[in-house]
Amino acid sequence: MTRVPSDDASVASIRATLARSGGTRRPCVRLPGDDDLDGRVESGSCSSLGVEDGDFVRLVIDREEYHARVVADANGRLIRGAFDDRRLARTPGEGENRLAAWLAEHGRDPGDAVVLDVVVSGDQYGLRLPGDRTVYDARRGPRSSLADIAEDIDG
């Protein structure tokens, strides 16, 4: 595990917007499309967020790690919630939505901006308010697939 500050050159910081999606009244994080990243990257470099509809990611909010599912609607990708574990992220009606609580605590509404930090592309992201700085415990996922591991065992 490596501690990485949000202003480190290895962390891409991207301006994201809060929106409403579907029938919910709670705000969610609208992720910019990969084609729109040029105008939204505040620091670091990023040509793609590394996530697609249906992906599960680790989402760090106020130094606490949660699990979130990336979903898509007619306007692009978004994150509707952050939950204590991956199972709750799959069935969001069962657990507390930590994202909604964090946004309410900070008085953030649809149309407001937040910063999405790409800590480990495709796996770990962070959310913070614009102007805030934080430190992430960056943990990289397994480097080998199960097939690679099996091949190593079989020789």
N, C-alpha and C. Protein backbone atom coordinates (compact mmCIF):
# COMPACT_ATOMS: atom_id res chain seq x y z
N MET A 1 0.85 -1.16 0.00
CA MET A 1 0.00 0.00 0.00
C MET A 1 0.91 1.24 0.00
N THR A 2 0.53 2.21 -0.82
CA THR A 2 1.28 3.44 -0.95
C THR A 2 0.38 4.62 -0.62
N ARG A 3 0.87 5.55 0.16
CA ARG A 3 0.10 6.76 0.46
C ARG A 3 0.39 7.79 -0.63
N VAL A 4 -0.70 8.29 -1.23
CA VAL A 4 -0.57 9.20 -2.35
C VAL A 4 -1.45 10.43 -2.11
N PRO A 5 -0.87 11.64 -2.11
CA PRO A 5 -1.70 12.84 -1.95
C PRO A 5 -2.47 13.15 -3.24
N SER A 6 -3.59 13.80 -3.08
CA SER A 6 -4.44 14.11 -4.24
C SER A 6 -3.75 15.04 -5.23
N ASP A 7 -2.74 15.78 -4.80
CA ASP A 7 -2.04 16.67 -5.72
C ASP A 7 -0.76 16.06 -6.28
N ASP A 8 -0.57 14.74 -6.09
CA ASP A 8 0.58 14.03 -6.64
C ASP A 8 0.43 13.93 -8.17
N ALA A 9 1.52 13.96 -8.88
CA ALA A 9 1.49 13.89 -10.35
C ALA A 9 0.89 12.59 -10.86
N SER A 10 0.90 11.53 -10.05
CA SER A 10 0.34 10.24 -10.49
C SER A 10 -1.18 10.19 -10.39
N VAL A 11 -1.79 11.19 -9.75
CA VAL A 11 -3.24 11.23 -9.56
C VAL A 11 -3.83 12.26 -10.52
N ALA A 12 -4.71 11.80 -11.41
CA ALA A 12 -5.42 12.72 -12.29
C ALA A 12 -6.65 13.22 -11.55
N SER A 13 -6.82 14.53 -11.50
CA SER A 13 -7.97 15.14 -10.83
C SER A 13 -8.90 15.71 -11.89
N ILE A 14 -10.14 15.25 -11.87
CA ILE A 14 -11.10 15.58 -12.92
C ILE A 14 -12.33 16.23 -12.31
N ARG A 15 -12.76 17.33 -12.89
CA ARG A 15 -13.96 18.01 -12.42
C ARG A 15 -15.18 17.23 -12.91
N ALA A 16 -16.01 16.82 -11.96
CA ALA A 16 -17.26 16.11 -12.26
C ALA A 16 -18.42 16.96 -11.75
N THR A 17 -19.59 16.72 -12.29
CA THR A 17 -20.77 17.51 -11.94
C THR A 17 -21.79 16.63 -11.24
N LEU A 18 -22.51 17.21 -10.31
CA LEU A 18 -23.60 16.48 -9.67
C LEU A 18 -24.85 16.63 -10.50
N ALA A 19 -25.64 15.56 -10.57
CA ALA A 19 -26.86 15.55 -11.37
C ALA A 19 -27.90 14.69 -10.67
N ARG A 20 -29.10 14.70 -11.20
CA ARG A 20 -30.14 13.76 -10.77
C ARG A 20 -30.32 12.77 -11.91
N SER A 21 -30.57 11.54 -11.55
CA SER A 21 -30.76 10.53 -12.59
C SER A 21 -31.92 9.62 -12.19
N GLY A 22 -32.78 9.34 -13.14
CA GLY A 22 -33.91 8.46 -12.87
C GLY A 22 -34.91 9.11 -11.93
N GLY A 23 -35.63 8.30 -11.18
CA GLY A 23 -36.67 8.80 -10.30
C GLY A 23 -36.18 9.27 -8.95
N THR A 24 -34.90 9.12 -8.67
CA THR A 24 -34.38 9.50 -7.36
C THR A 24 -34.24 11.01 -7.23
N ARG A 25 -34.43 11.51 -6.05
CA ARG A 25 -34.26 12.94 -5.79
C ARG A 25 -32.84 13.23 -5.28
N ARG A 26 -32.07 12.18 -5.02
CA ARG A 26 -30.72 12.36 -4.51
C ARG A 26 -29.76 12.69 -5.64
N PRO A 27 -28.79 13.55 -5.36
CA PRO A 27 -27.79 13.84 -6.40
C PRO A 27 -26.85 12.66 -6.59
N CYS A 28 -26.32 12.55 -7.78
CA CYS A 28 -25.32 11.54 -8.09
C CYS A 28 -24.19 12.22 -8.87
N VAL A 29 -23.08 11.53 -9.03
CA VAL A 29 -21.91 12.10 -9.69
C VAL A 29 -21.95 11.73 -11.17
N ARG A 30 -22.05 12.74 -12.02
CA ARG A 30 -22.02 12.54 -13.47
C ARG A 30 -20.57 12.52 -13.91
N LEU A 31 -20.12 11.39 -14.45
CA LEU A 31 -18.74 11.27 -14.90
C LEU A 31 -18.62 11.85 -16.31
N PRO A 32 -17.58 12.61 -16.56
CA PRO A 32 -17.42 13.14 -17.92
C PRO A 32 -17.11 12.01 -18.89
N GLY A 33 -17.55 12.17 -20.11
CA GLY A 33 -17.21 11.20 -21.15
C GLY A 33 -15.72 11.29 -21.47
N ASP A 34 -15.15 10.21 -21.95
CA ASP A 34 -13.72 10.22 -22.26
C ASP A 34 -13.38 11.30 -23.29
N ASP A 35 -14.31 11.61 -24.19
CA ASP A 35 -14.08 12.67 -25.19
C ASP A 35 -14.07 14.05 -24.56
N ASP A 36 -14.69 14.20 -23.39
CA ASP A 36 -14.79 15.50 -22.72
C ASP A 36 -13.71 15.72 -21.66
N LEU A 37 -12.80 14.78 -21.49
CA LEU A 37 -11.82 14.89 -20.41
C LEU A 37 -10.86 16.05 -20.57
N ASP A 38 -10.50 16.42 -21.79
CA ASP A 38 -9.51 17.48 -22.00
C ASP A 38 -9.84 18.75 -21.23
N GLY A 39 -11.09 19.15 -21.23
CA GLY A 39 -11.46 20.37 -20.55
C GLY A 39 -11.75 20.21 -19.07
N ARG A 40 -11.70 18.99 -18.55
CA ARG A 40 -12.07 18.75 -17.15
C ARG A 40 -10.93 18.26 -16.27
N VAL A 41 -9.79 17.92 -16.86
CA VAL A 41 -8.66 17.44 -16.07
C VAL A 41 -7.97 18.64 -15.45
N GLU A 42 -7.99 18.70 -14.10
CA GLU A 42 -7.41 19.83 -13.38
C GLU A 42 -5.92 19.63 -13.11
N SER A 43 -5.53 18.38 -12.92
CA SER A 43 -4.11 18.08 -12.72
C SER A 43 -3.86 16.63 -13.10
N GLY A 44 -2.59 16.30 -13.32
CA GLY A 44 -2.25 14.96 -13.77
C GLY A 44 -2.62 14.81 -15.23
N SER A 45 -2.56 13.58 -15.72
CA SER A 45 -2.97 13.33 -17.11
C SER A 45 -3.90 12.13 -17.13
N CYS A 46 -4.89 12.23 -18.01
CA CYS A 46 -5.89 11.16 -18.07
C CYS A 46 -6.56 11.22 -19.45
N SER A 47 -6.47 10.12 -20.18
CA SER A 47 -7.14 10.07 -21.48
C SER A 47 -8.41 9.25 -21.41
N SER A 48 -8.59 8.50 -20.32
CA SER A 48 -9.78 7.69 -20.12
C SER A 48 -9.96 7.44 -18.63
N LEU A 49 -11.21 7.41 -18.18
CA LEU A 49 -11.46 7.11 -16.76
C LEU A 49 -11.23 5.65 -16.43
N GLY A 50 -11.26 4.79 -17.43
CA GLY A 50 -11.01 3.38 -17.20
C GLY A 50 -12.19 2.61 -16.63
N VAL A 51 -13.41 3.17 -16.75
CA VAL A 51 -14.59 2.48 -16.26
C VAL A 51 -15.70 2.50 -17.31
N GLU A 52 -16.51 1.47 -17.25
CA GLU A 52 -17.65 1.33 -18.15
C GLU A 52 -18.90 1.03 -17.34
N ASP A 53 -20.04 1.08 -17.98
CA ASP A 53 -21.32 0.74 -17.36
C ASP A 53 -21.24 -0.65 -16.73
N GLY A 54 -21.61 -0.74 -15.46
CA GLY A 54 -21.62 -2.02 -14.76
C GLY A 54 -20.38 -2.32 -13.95
N ASP A 55 -19.32 -1.55 -14.14
CA ASP A 55 -18.09 -1.79 -13.37
C ASP A 55 -18.27 -1.42 -11.90
N PHE A 56 -17.62 -2.17 -11.04
CA PHE A 56 -17.56 -1.85 -9.61
C PHE A 56 -16.19 -1.26 -9.32
N VAL A 57 -16.17 -0.20 -8.52
CA VAL A 57 -14.92 0.46 -8.18
C VAL A 57 -14.89 0.73 -6.68
N ARG A 58 -13.68 0.95 -6.19
CA ARG A 58 -13.52 1.42 -4.82
C ARG A 58 -13.53 2.94 -4.87
N LEU A 59 -14.31 3.56 -3.98
CA LEU A 59 -14.47 5.00 -3.98
C LEU A 59 -14.14 5.54 -2.60
N VAL A 60 -13.13 6.39 -2.52
CA VAL A 60 -12.68 6.94 -1.25
C VAL A 60 -13.31 8.32 -1.05
N ILE A 61 -13.99 8.48 0.08
CA ILE A 61 -14.61 9.75 0.44
C ILE A 61 -14.19 10.05 1.88
N ASP A 62 -13.60 11.20 2.11
CA ASP A 62 -13.12 11.58 3.45
C ASP A 62 -12.26 10.49 4.08
N ARG A 63 -11.33 9.94 3.29
CA ARG A 63 -10.36 8.92 3.72
C ARG A 63 -10.99 7.57 4.07
N GLU A 64 -12.29 7.40 3.82
CA GLU A 64 -12.97 6.11 4.03
C GLU A 64 -13.23 5.47 2.67
N GLU A 65 -12.95 4.18 2.58
CA GLU A 65 -13.13 3.49 1.30
C GLU A 65 -14.49 2.79 1.25
N TYR A 66 -15.20 3.02 0.16
CA TYR A 66 -16.52 2.43 -0.08
C TYR A 66 -16.50 1.74 -1.44
N HIS A 67 -17.62 1.15 -1.78
CA HIS A 67 -17.76 0.47 -3.06
C HIS A 67 -18.89 1.12 -3.84
N ALA A 68 -18.67 1.27 -5.13
CA ALA A 68 -19.66 1.93 -5.99
C ALA A 68 -19.77 1.18 -7.31
N ARG A 69 -20.93 1.31 -7.91
CA ARG A 69 -21.15 0.74 -9.23
C ARG A 69 -21.31 1.88 -10.23
N VAL A 70 -20.63 1.78 -11.34
CA VAL A 70 -20.77 2.75 -12.42
C VAL A 70 -21.96 2.31 -13.25
N VAL A 71 -22.90 3.22 -13.46
CA VAL A 71 -24.08 2.93 -14.28
C VAL A 71 -24.15 3.96 -15.39
N ALA A 72 -24.92 3.65 -16.42
CA ALA A 72 -25.07 4.57 -17.55
C ALA A 72 -26.54 4.86 -17.77
N ASP A 73 -26.81 6.09 -18.17
CA ASP A 73 -28.14 6.47 -18.61
C ASP A 73 -27.99 7.12 -19.98
N ALA A 74 -29.01 7.75 -20.48
CA ALA A 74 -28.97 8.34 -21.81
C ALA A 74 -27.92 9.45 -21.94
N ASN A 75 -27.49 10.02 -20.82
CA ASN A 75 -26.53 11.12 -20.85
C ASN A 75 -25.10 10.71 -20.52
N GLY A 76 -24.85 9.45 -20.25
CA GLY A 76 -23.49 8.99 -19.97
C GLY A 76 -23.40 8.20 -18.68
N ARG A 77 -22.17 8.12 -18.14
CA ARG A 77 -21.89 7.31 -16.94
C ARG A 77 -22.05 8.14 -15.68
N LEU A 78 -22.45 7.46 -14.62
CA LEU A 78 -22.57 8.13 -13.33
C LEU A 78 -22.40 7.16 -12.19
N ILE A 79 -22.19 7.75 -11.01
CA ILE A 79 -22.12 6.99 -9.76
C ILE A 79 -23.27 7.48 -8.90
N ARG A 80 -24.19 6.56 -8.57
CA ARG A 80 -25.38 6.94 -7.80
C ARG A 80 -25.20 6.77 -6.31
N GLY A 81 -24.22 5.99 -5.90
CA GLY A 81 -24.05 5.76 -4.47
C GLY A 81 -22.72 5.13 -4.14
N ALA A 82 -22.37 5.18 -2.87
CA ALA A 82 -21.18 4.54 -2.33
C ALA A 82 -21.62 3.77 -1.09
N PHE A 83 -21.19 2.51 -1.00
CA PHE A 83 -21.69 1.62 0.05
C PHE A 83 -20.54 0.92 0.76
N ASP A 84 -20.83 0.38 1.93
CA ASP A 84 -19.80 -0.20 2.78
C ASP A 84 -19.12 -1.43 2.19
N ASP A 85 -19.81 -2.19 1.36
CA ASP A 85 -19.17 -3.33 0.72
C ASP A 85 -19.75 -3.55 -0.67
N ARG A 86 -19.14 -4.44 -1.40
CA ARG A 86 -19.52 -4.67 -2.80
C ARG A 86 -20.93 -5.25 -2.92
N ARG A 87 -21.32 -6.08 -1.99
CA ARG A 87 -22.66 -6.66 -2.03
C ARG A 87 -23.72 -5.56 -1.93
N LEU A 88 -23.51 -4.61 -1.03
CA LEU A 88 -24.46 -3.51 -0.89
C LEU A 88 -24.46 -2.61 -2.12
N ALA A 89 -23.31 -2.49 -2.77
CA ALA A 89 -23.25 -1.70 -4.01
C ALA A 89 -24.07 -2.36 -5.11
N ARG A 90 -24.17 -3.70 -5.08
CA ARG A 90 -25.00 -4.42 -6.07
C ARG A 90 -26.48 -4.23 -5.79
N THR A 91 -26.84 -4.15 -4.51
CA THR A 91 -28.25 -4.01 -4.11
C THR A 91 -28.38 -2.76 -3.24
N PRO A 92 -28.34 -1.57 -3.85
CA PRO A 92 -28.23 -0.33 -3.10
C PRO A 92 -29.38 -0.01 -2.15
N GLY A 93 -30.53 -0.66 -2.27
CA GLY A 93 -31.63 -0.37 -1.37
C GLY A 93 -31.42 -0.90 0.04
N GLU A 94 -30.42 -1.77 0.22
CA GLU A 94 -30.21 -2.42 1.52
C GLU A 94 -29.27 -1.67 2.46
N GLY A 95 -28.37 -0.86 1.93
CA GLY A 95 -27.37 -0.21 2.79
C GLY A 95 -27.46 1.29 2.73
N GLU A 96 -26.72 1.93 3.64
CA GLU A 96 -26.69 3.39 3.66
C GLU A 96 -25.84 3.90 2.50
N ASN A 97 -26.39 4.87 1.79
CA ASN A 97 -25.69 5.49 0.67
C ASN A 97 -24.75 6.56 1.24
N ARG A 98 -23.48 6.21 1.37
CA ARG A 98 -22.49 7.12 1.96
C ARG A 98 -22.24 8.33 1.06
N LEU A 99 -22.38 8.18 -0.24
CA LEU A 99 -22.22 9.30 -1.16
C LEU A 99 -23.31 10.34 -0.92
N ALA A 100 -24.55 9.91 -0.85
CA ALA A 100 -25.66 10.84 -0.61
C ALA A 100 -25.49 11.56 0.72
N ALA A 101 -25.05 10.83 1.75
CA ALA A 101 -24.84 11.44 3.07
C ALA A 101 -23.73 12.48 3.02
N TRP A 102 -22.63 12.18 2.31
CA TRP A 102 -21.51 13.11 2.20
C TRP A 102 -21.93 14.37 1.45
N LEU A 103 -22.66 14.21 0.36
CA LEU A 103 -23.12 15.36 -0.41
C LEU A 103 -24.07 16.23 0.41
N ALA A 104 -24.97 15.60 1.17
CA ALA A 104 -25.90 16.35 2.02
C ALA A 104 -25.14 17.08 3.12
N GLU A 105 -24.15 16.42 3.72
CA GLU A 105 -23.35 17.02 4.79
C GLU A 105 -22.65 18.30 4.32
N HIS A 106 -22.25 18.31 3.05
CA HIS A 106 -21.53 19.45 2.50
C HIS A 106 -22.43 20.39 1.68
N GLY A 107 -23.74 20.15 1.72
CA GLY A 107 -24.67 21.03 1.03
C GLY A 107 -24.51 21.07 -0.47
N ARG A 108 -24.13 19.94 -1.06
CA ARG A 108 -23.92 19.88 -2.51
C ARG A 108 -25.20 19.44 -3.19
N ASP A 109 -25.53 20.11 -4.29
CA ASP A 109 -26.76 19.86 -5.03
C ASP A 109 -26.45 19.64 -6.50
N PRO A 110 -27.43 19.12 -7.25
CA PRO A 110 -27.22 18.97 -8.70
C PRO A 110 -26.78 20.30 -9.32
N GLY A 111 -25.81 20.19 -10.21
CA GLY A 111 -25.21 21.35 -10.84
C GLY A 111 -23.90 21.76 -10.19
N ASP A 112 -23.70 21.37 -8.92
CA ASP A 112 -22.45 21.68 -8.23
C ASP A 112 -21.33 20.77 -8.74
N ALA A 113 -20.11 21.19 -8.52
CA ALA A 113 -18.94 20.42 -8.94
C ALA A 113 -18.31 19.69 -7.77
N VAL A 114 -17.71 18.56 -8.07
CA VAL A 114 -16.85 17.82 -7.14
C VAL A 114 -15.62 17.42 -7.96
N VAL A 115 -14.58 16.98 -7.27
CA VAL A 115 -13.38 16.53 -7.96
C VAL A 115 -13.28 15.01 -7.80
N LEU A 116 -13.12 14.34 -8.94
CA LEU A 116 -12.92 12.90 -8.97
C LEU A 116 -11.44 12.66 -9.22
N ASP A 117 -10.77 12.01 -8.26
CA ASP A 117 -9.35 11.69 -8.40
C ASP A 117 -9.22 10.26 -8.90
N VAL A 118 -8.43 10.08 -9.94
CA VAL A 118 -8.14 8.74 -10.46
C VAL A 118 -6.88 8.27 -9.75
N VAL A 119 -7.08 7.42 -8.73
CA VAL A 119 -5.96 6.92 -7.93
C VAL A 119 -5.34 5.71 -8.60
N VAL A 120 -6.17 4.70 -8.91
CA VAL A 120 -5.76 3.51 -9.66
C VAL A 120 -6.82 3.32 -10.74
N SER A 121 -6.50 3.65 -11.97
CA SER A 121 -7.48 3.61 -13.06
C SER A 121 -8.17 2.26 -13.15
N GLY A 122 -9.49 2.30 -13.22
CA GLY A 122 -10.28 1.09 -13.33
C GLY A 122 -10.57 0.42 -12.00
N ASP A 123 -10.00 0.93 -10.90
CA ASP A 123 -10.16 0.26 -9.62
C ASP A 123 -10.45 1.21 -8.45
N GLN A 124 -9.64 2.24 -8.27
CA GLN A 124 -9.78 3.09 -7.09
C GLN A 124 -9.84 4.57 -7.49
N TYR A 125 -10.88 5.24 -6.97
CA TYR A 125 -11.11 6.65 -7.25
C TYR A 125 -11.39 7.36 -5.94
N GLY A 126 -11.22 8.66 -5.93
CA GLY A 126 -11.52 9.44 -4.75
C GLY A 126 -12.42 10.60 -5.12
N LEU A 127 -13.25 11.03 -4.17
CA LEU A 127 -14.08 12.21 -4.35
C LEU A 127 -13.73 13.22 -3.29
N ARG A 128 -13.67 14.48 -3.69
CA ARG A 128 -13.42 15.55 -2.75
C ARG A 128 -14.04 16.83 -3.28
N LEU A 129 -14.16 17.79 -2.40
CA LEU A 129 -14.68 19.10 -2.80
C LEU A 129 -13.58 19.88 -3.50
N PRO A 130 -13.93 20.71 -4.48
CA PRO A 130 -12.91 21.53 -5.14
C PRO A 130 -12.15 22.37 -4.11
N GLY A 131 -10.84 22.41 -4.25
CA GLY A 131 -9.99 23.17 -3.32
C GLY A 131 -9.49 22.36 -2.14
N ASP A 132 -10.14 21.24 -1.84
CA ASP A 132 -9.69 20.38 -0.74
C ASP A 132 -8.53 19.52 -1.20
N ARG A 133 -7.73 19.06 -0.26
CA ARG A 133 -6.62 18.14 -0.52
C ARG A 133 -6.79 16.96 0.41
N THR A 134 -6.43 15.78 -0.06
CA THR A 134 -6.51 14.59 0.78
C THR A 134 -5.36 13.65 0.44
N VAL A 135 -5.25 12.57 1.19
CA VAL A 135 -4.25 11.55 0.94
C VAL A 135 -4.98 10.22 0.80
N TYR A 136 -4.59 9.45 -0.20
CA TYR A 136 -5.21 8.14 -0.46
C TYR A 136 -4.23 7.02 -0.12
N ASP A 137 -4.78 5.91 0.36
CA ASP A 137 -4.02 4.68 0.52
C ASP A 137 -4.22 3.89 -0.76
N ALA A 138 -3.30 4.02 -1.69
CA ALA A 138 -3.43 3.38 -3.00
C ALA A 138 -3.03 1.92 -2.90
N ARG A 139 -3.98 1.07 -3.24
CA ARG A 139 -3.72 -0.37 -3.28
C ARG A 139 -4.02 -0.85 -4.68
N ARG A 140 -3.06 -1.39 -5.30
CA ARG A 140 -3.26 -1.91 -6.65
C ARG A 140 -3.86 -3.29 -6.56
N GLY A 141 -4.75 -3.59 -7.51
CA GLY A 141 -5.38 -4.91 -7.57
C GLY A 141 -4.37 -5.96 -7.97
N PRO A 142 -4.80 -7.22 -8.06
CA PRO A 142 -3.88 -8.28 -8.45
C PRO A 142 -3.30 -8.00 -9.84
N ARG A 143 -2.04 -8.25 -10.00
CA ARG A 143 -1.38 -7.97 -11.28
C ARG A 143 -1.61 -9.09 -12.29
N SER A 144 -1.95 -10.26 -11.84
CA SER A 144 -2.13 -11.38 -12.75
C SER A 144 -3.58 -11.84 -12.73
N SER A 145 -4.01 -12.32 -13.87
CA SER A 145 -5.35 -12.89 -13.93
C SER A 145 -5.29 -14.31 -13.37
N LEU A 146 -6.44 -14.91 -13.14
CA LEU A 146 -6.48 -16.29 -12.65
C LEU A 146 -5.82 -17.24 -13.65
N ALA A 147 -5.98 -16.96 -14.93
CA ALA A 147 -5.34 -17.81 -15.95
C ALA A 147 -3.82 -17.75 -15.83
N ASP A 148 -3.27 -16.57 -15.57
CA ASP A 148 -1.82 -16.43 -15.40
C ASP A 148 -1.35 -17.20 -14.17
N ILE A 149 -2.11 -17.13 -13.10
CA ILE A 149 -1.76 -17.86 -11.87
C ILE A 149 -1.78 -19.37 -12.12
N ALA A 150 -2.83 -19.85 -12.79
CA ALA A 150 -2.93 -21.28 -13.10
C ALA A 150 -1.77 -21.73 -13.98
N GLU A 151 -1.42 -20.90 -14.93
CA GLU A 151 -0.31 -21.24 -15.82
C GLU A 151 1.01 -21.33 -15.05
N ASP A 152 1.20 -20.41 -14.08
CA ASP A 152 2.40 -20.45 -13.26
C ASP A 152 2.47 -21.73 -12.42
N ILE A 153 1.32 -22.17 -11.92
CA ILE A 153 1.29 -23.38 -11.11
C ILE A 153 1.56 -24.62 -11.94
N ASP A 154 0.93 -24.66 -13.13
CA ASP A 154 1.10 -25.82 -14.03
C ASP A 154 2.46 -25.87 -14.68
N GLY A 155 3.12 -24.74 -14.71
CA GLY A 155 4.46 -24.69 -15.29
C GLY A 155 4.37 -24.45 -16.73
